[in-house]
Amino acid sequence: MENTAKKIAEMLLEIKAIKIRPETPFTWASGWKSPIYCDNRLSLSYPDVRTYVKEALAKLIKEEFPEVEVIAGVATAGIPQGALVAEELGLPFCYVRSKPKGHGMTNMIEGEVREGAKAVVIEDLISTGGSSIKAAKDLQAAGVEVLGLVSIFTYGFPIADNNFKEAAIEYRTLSNYPTLLEVALEKDYIDASKLETLKEWRENPSVWG
């Protein structure tokens, strides 16, 4: 997994899906200031990267959650990734909305999924884990057994670990923030003088900057 984590980080940096900019921070929707911005949806535009991510996610699921019977994507960024993985594994696919559909059947879960089915949830990115956990709980409320959640990348915030622990949901990721910093330094995306502030941000992102 260490080699996979480094390869994923390198690919995301190469295609600029991850941008590191501590001197002019980004502002997240939450209002947090951040020296990094991650948009893994860009990987879909690069066939080689898209294929590598798909195959790595499928391999991770087979190793960690071999009893899986259905793949569930988290709207919206987890939908294409989840569909690709479901195709790779030859499994049914559904996705979970952030809120019920406003008309028609007012579905929260789109796609056919039977009660008692064993599901793995696909997310592209974990920050606090809030939206991912909500999707997992919506599946559980529909009678689905959630084996765990798999994502492409995590910032590794302590709050995310606590949230998943409290929700009793297992999660795994292909790559992570410490690996990203290691690769970014090796490949000259950042220099050593930036490391301290980048590490400080992850420890307390809500007050950083």
Protein backbone atom coordinates (compact mmCIF):
# COMPACT_ATOMS: atom_id res chain seq x y z
CA MET A 1 0.00 0.00 0.00
CA GLU A 2 2.93 2.37 0.60
CA ASN A 3 3.88 2.24 -3.08
CA THR A 4 0.26 2.78 -4.10
CA ALA A 5 -0.08 5.73 -1.73
CA LYS A 6 3.00 7.40 -3.19
CA LYS A 7 1.94 6.70 -6.79
CA ILE A 8 -1.52 8.17 -6.19
CA ALA A 9 -0.03 11.28 -4.55
CA GLU A 10 2.41 11.73 -7.42
CA MET A 11 -0.35 11.38 -10.04
CA LEU A 12 -2.64 13.84 -8.28
CA LEU A 13 0.17 16.39 -8.05
CA GLU A 14 1.13 15.89 -11.71
CA ILE A 15 -2.39 16.55 -13.02
CA LYS A 16 -2.86 19.42 -10.53
CA ALA A 17 -5.76 17.69 -8.82
CA ILE A 18 -3.88 18.65 -5.65
CA LYS A 19 -2.52 22.18 -5.36
CA ILE A 20 -0.27 23.25 -2.47
CA ARG A 21 -0.19 26.98 -1.83
CA PRO A 22 0.60 27.92 1.79
CA GLU A 23 1.59 31.49 0.90
CA THR A 24 -1.85 32.27 -0.60
CA PRO A 25 -4.28 29.90 1.13
CA PHE A 26 -7.54 28.63 -0.31
CA THR A 27 -10.84 29.16 1.52
CA TRP A 28 -13.05 26.11 1.91
CA ALA A 29 -16.85 26.20 1.97
CA SER A 30 -16.61 25.73 5.74
CA GLY A 31 -14.64 28.98 5.98
CA TRP A 32 -11.42 27.19 6.90
CA LYS A 33 -8.23 28.57 5.42
CA SER A 34 -6.18 25.86 3.75
CA PRO A 35 -2.73 25.65 2.14
CA ILE A 36 -3.97 22.77 -0.01
CA TYR A 37 -6.83 22.17 -2.41
CA CYS A 38 -7.78 18.69 -3.60
CA ASP A 39 -10.14 18.01 -6.52
CA ASN A 40 -9.91 14.32 -7.36
CA ARG A 41 -12.59 14.69 -10.02
CA LEU A 42 -9.81 15.86 -12.32
CA SER A 43 -8.50 12.28 -12.35
CA LEU A 44 -11.52 11.33 -14.48
CA SER A 45 -10.13 13.45 -17.33
CA TYR A 46 -6.88 11.46 -17.50
CA PRO A 47 -7.45 7.86 -18.67
CA ASP A 48 -4.19 6.50 -17.23
CA VAL A 49 -4.83 8.08 -13.84
CA ARG A 50 -8.51 7.13 -13.90
CA THR A 51 -7.66 3.50 -14.62
CA TYR A 52 -4.97 3.32 -11.95
CA VAL A 53 -7.31 4.79 -9.33
CA LYS A 54 -10.15 2.46 -10.33
CA GLU A 55 -7.95 -0.63 -10.16
CA ALA A 56 -6.34 0.43 -6.88
CA LEU A 57 -9.73 1.04 -5.25
CA ALA A 58 -11.02 -2.32 -6.49
CA LYS A 59 -7.92 -4.11 -5.18
CA LEU A 60 -8.23 -2.42 -1.79
CA ILE A 61 -11.89 -3.41 -1.50
CA LYS A 62 -11.16 -7.03 -2.40
CA GLU A 63 -8.42 -7.15 0.25
CA GLU A 64 -10.23 -5.32 3.04
CA PHE A 65 -13.91 -6.04 2.40
CA PRO A 66 -14.07 -9.32 0.43
CA GLU A 67 -17.73 -9.95 1.31
CA VAL A 68 -18.89 -6.86 -0.61
CA GLU A 69 -22.06 -7.29 -2.66
CA VAL A 70 -22.80 -3.73 -3.80
CA ILE A 71 -20.84 -0.50 -4.32
CA ALA A 72 -22.40 2.78 -3.18
CA GLY A 73 -21.09 6.18 -4.28
CA VAL A 74 -21.44 9.37 -2.26
CA ALA A 75 -22.95 12.22 -4.28
CA THR A 76 -21.51 13.85 -6.17
CA ALA A 77 -17.79 13.14 -6.53
CA GLY A 78 -18.12 9.54 -5.34
CA ILE A 79 -20.63 8.67 -8.07
CA PRO A 80 -18.29 8.30 -11.08
CA GLN A 81 -15.54 6.71 -9.01
CA GLY A 82 -18.02 4.27 -7.51
CA ALA A 83 -19.51 3.37 -10.88
CA LEU A 84 -16.04 2.66 -12.29
CA VAL A 85 -15.18 0.44 -9.32
CA ALA A 86 -18.48 -1.41 -9.49
CA GLU A 87 -17.81 -2.12 -13.17
CA GLU A 88 -14.30 -3.34 -12.36
CA LEU A 89 -15.63 -5.69 -9.67
CA GLY A 90 -18.71 -6.77 -11.62
CA LEU A 91 -21.02 -5.61 -8.82
CA PRO A 92 -24.28 -3.63 -8.61
CA PHE A 93 -24.00 0.10 -8.06
CA CYS A 94 -26.12 2.70 -6.30
CA TYR A 95 -25.47 6.19 -5.01
CA VAL A 96 -26.57 8.20 -2.01
CA ARG A 97 -27.87 11.74 -2.35
CA SER A 98 -26.97 14.50 0.10
CA LYS A 99 -30.71 15.11 0.52
CA PRO A 100 -33.84 13.43 -0.83
CA LYS A 101 -34.80 14.07 -4.44
CA GLY A 102 -37.19 17.01 -4.55
CA HIS A 103 -39.76 15.38 -6.82
CA GLY A 104 -40.97 12.04 -8.13
CA MET A 105 -40.08 9.20 -5.74
CA THR A 106 -38.12 11.56 -3.42
CA ASN A 107 -35.34 8.98 -3.25
CA MET A 108 -32.33 9.31 -0.98
CA ILE A 109 -30.68 6.25 -2.52
CA GLU A 110 -30.66 5.94 -6.30
CA GLY A 111 -30.39 2.48 -7.81
CA GLU A 112 -31.68 -0.86 -6.67
CA VAL A 113 -30.18 -2.17 -3.45
CA ARG A 114 -31.78 -4.97 -1.44
CA GLU A 115 -32.21 -4.94 2.31
CA GLY A 116 -29.38 -6.81 4.00
CA ALA A 117 -26.93 -6.33 1.12
CA LYS A 118 -23.29 -5.84 2.12
CA ALA A 119 -22.08 -2.49 0.77
CA VAL A 120 -18.81 -0.62 0.50
CA VAL A 121 -19.15 3.15 0.20
CA ILE A 122 -16.90 5.05 -2.23
CA GLU A 123 -15.82 8.62 -1.56
CA ASP A 124 -13.22 10.64 -3.45
CA LEU A 125 -11.91 12.65 -0.47
CA ILE A 126 -12.20 12.59 3.31
CA SER A 127 -11.87 15.81 5.26
CA THR A 128 -13.97 15.67 8.45
CA GLY A 129 -15.85 12.59 7.25
CA GLY A 130 -19.25 14.21 7.73
CA SER A 131 -20.79 13.62 4.28
CA SER A 132 -19.31 10.12 4.06
CA ILE A 133 -20.70 9.07 7.41
CA LYS A 134 -24.10 10.56 6.59
CA ALA A 135 -24.23 8.49 3.38
CA ALA A 136 -23.28 5.34 5.28
CA LYS A 137 -25.98 5.98 7.88
CA ASP A 138 -28.58 6.59 5.15
CA LEU A 139 -27.70 3.18 3.71
CA GLN A 140 -27.94 1.59 7.15
CA ALA A 141 -31.35 3.22 7.66
CA ALA A 142 -32.47 1.49 4.44
CA GLY A 143 -31.42 -1.87 5.87
CA VAL A 144 -28.07 -2.11 4.08
CA GLU A 145 -25.06 -3.57 5.90
CA VAL A 146 -22.18 -1.12 5.45
CA LEU A 147 -18.89 -3.01 5.58
CA GLY A 148 -16.82 0.13 5.31
CA LEU A 149 -15.82 3.12 3.24
CA VAL A 150 -12.96 3.55 0.79
CA SER A 151 -11.62 6.85 -0.57
CA ILE A 152 -8.85 8.09 -2.83
CA PHE A 153 -7.33 10.55 -0.38
CA THR A 154 -7.63 11.72 3.21
CA TYR A 155 -6.23 14.78 4.96
CA GLY A 156 -5.96 12.65 8.10
CA PHE A 157 -7.60 15.15 10.44
CA PRO A 158 -7.99 13.84 14.02
CA ILE A 159 -11.64 14.92 13.89
CA ALA A 160 -12.25 12.54 10.97
CA ASP A 161 -10.78 9.59 12.86
CA ASN A 162 -12.97 10.45 15.86
CA ASN A 163 -16.09 10.83 13.73
CA PHE A 164 -15.63 7.46 12.03
CA LYS A 165 -14.86 5.80 15.36
CA GLU A 166 -18.00 7.24 16.96
CA ALA A 167 -20.08 6.10 13.97
CA ALA A 168 -18.49 2.61 14.15
CA ILE A 169 -17.62 2.73 10.44
CA GLU A 170 -14.37 1.33 9.09
CA TYR A 171 -12.59 3.37 6.43
CA ARG A 172 -9.53 2.95 4.22
CA THR A 173 -7.82 5.30 1.78
CA LEU A 174 -5.41 4.92 -1.12
CA SER A 175 -3.27 7.89 -0.14
CA ASN A 176 -2.94 10.41 2.65
CA TYR A 177 -1.55 13.78 3.67
CA PRO A 178 1.81 12.67 5.16
CA THR A 179 2.56 10.68 1.99
CA LEU A 180 1.56 13.68 -0.12
CA LEU A 181 4.04 15.92 1.72
CA GLU A 182 6.78 13.33 1.31
CA VAL A 183 6.19 13.06 -2.44
CA ALA A 184 5.76 16.82 -2.89
CA LEU A 185 9.14 17.40 -1.24
CA GLU A 186 10.85 14.66 -3.28
CA LYS A 187 9.44 16.01 -6.56
CA ASP A 188 10.12 19.68 -5.74
CA TYR A 189 6.49 20.77 -5.56
CA ILE A 190 7.41 22.29 -2.19
CA ASP A 191 10.66 23.05 -0.39
CA ALA A 192 11.61 22.10 3.17
CA SER A 193 10.82 25.59 4.48
CA LYS A 194 7.10 24.98 3.84
CA LEU A 195 6.87 21.67 5.74
CA GLU A 196 6.33 23.06 9.22
CA THR A 197 3.35 25.23 8.33
CA LEU A 198 1.85 22.42 6.23
CA LYS A 199 2.09 20.06 9.21
CA GLU A 200 0.68 22.69 11.58
CA TRP A 201 -2.38 23.15 9.36
CA ARG A 202 -3.36 19.49 9.56
CA GLU A 203 -3.17 19.48 13.35
CA ASN A 204 -5.60 22.38 13.77
CA PRO A 205 -7.14 23.41 10.42
CA SER A 206 -10.06 25.36 11.87
CA VAL A 207 -7.78 28.07 13.29
CA TRP A 208 -4.84 27.91 10.87
CA GLY A 209 -4.14 31.03 8.80
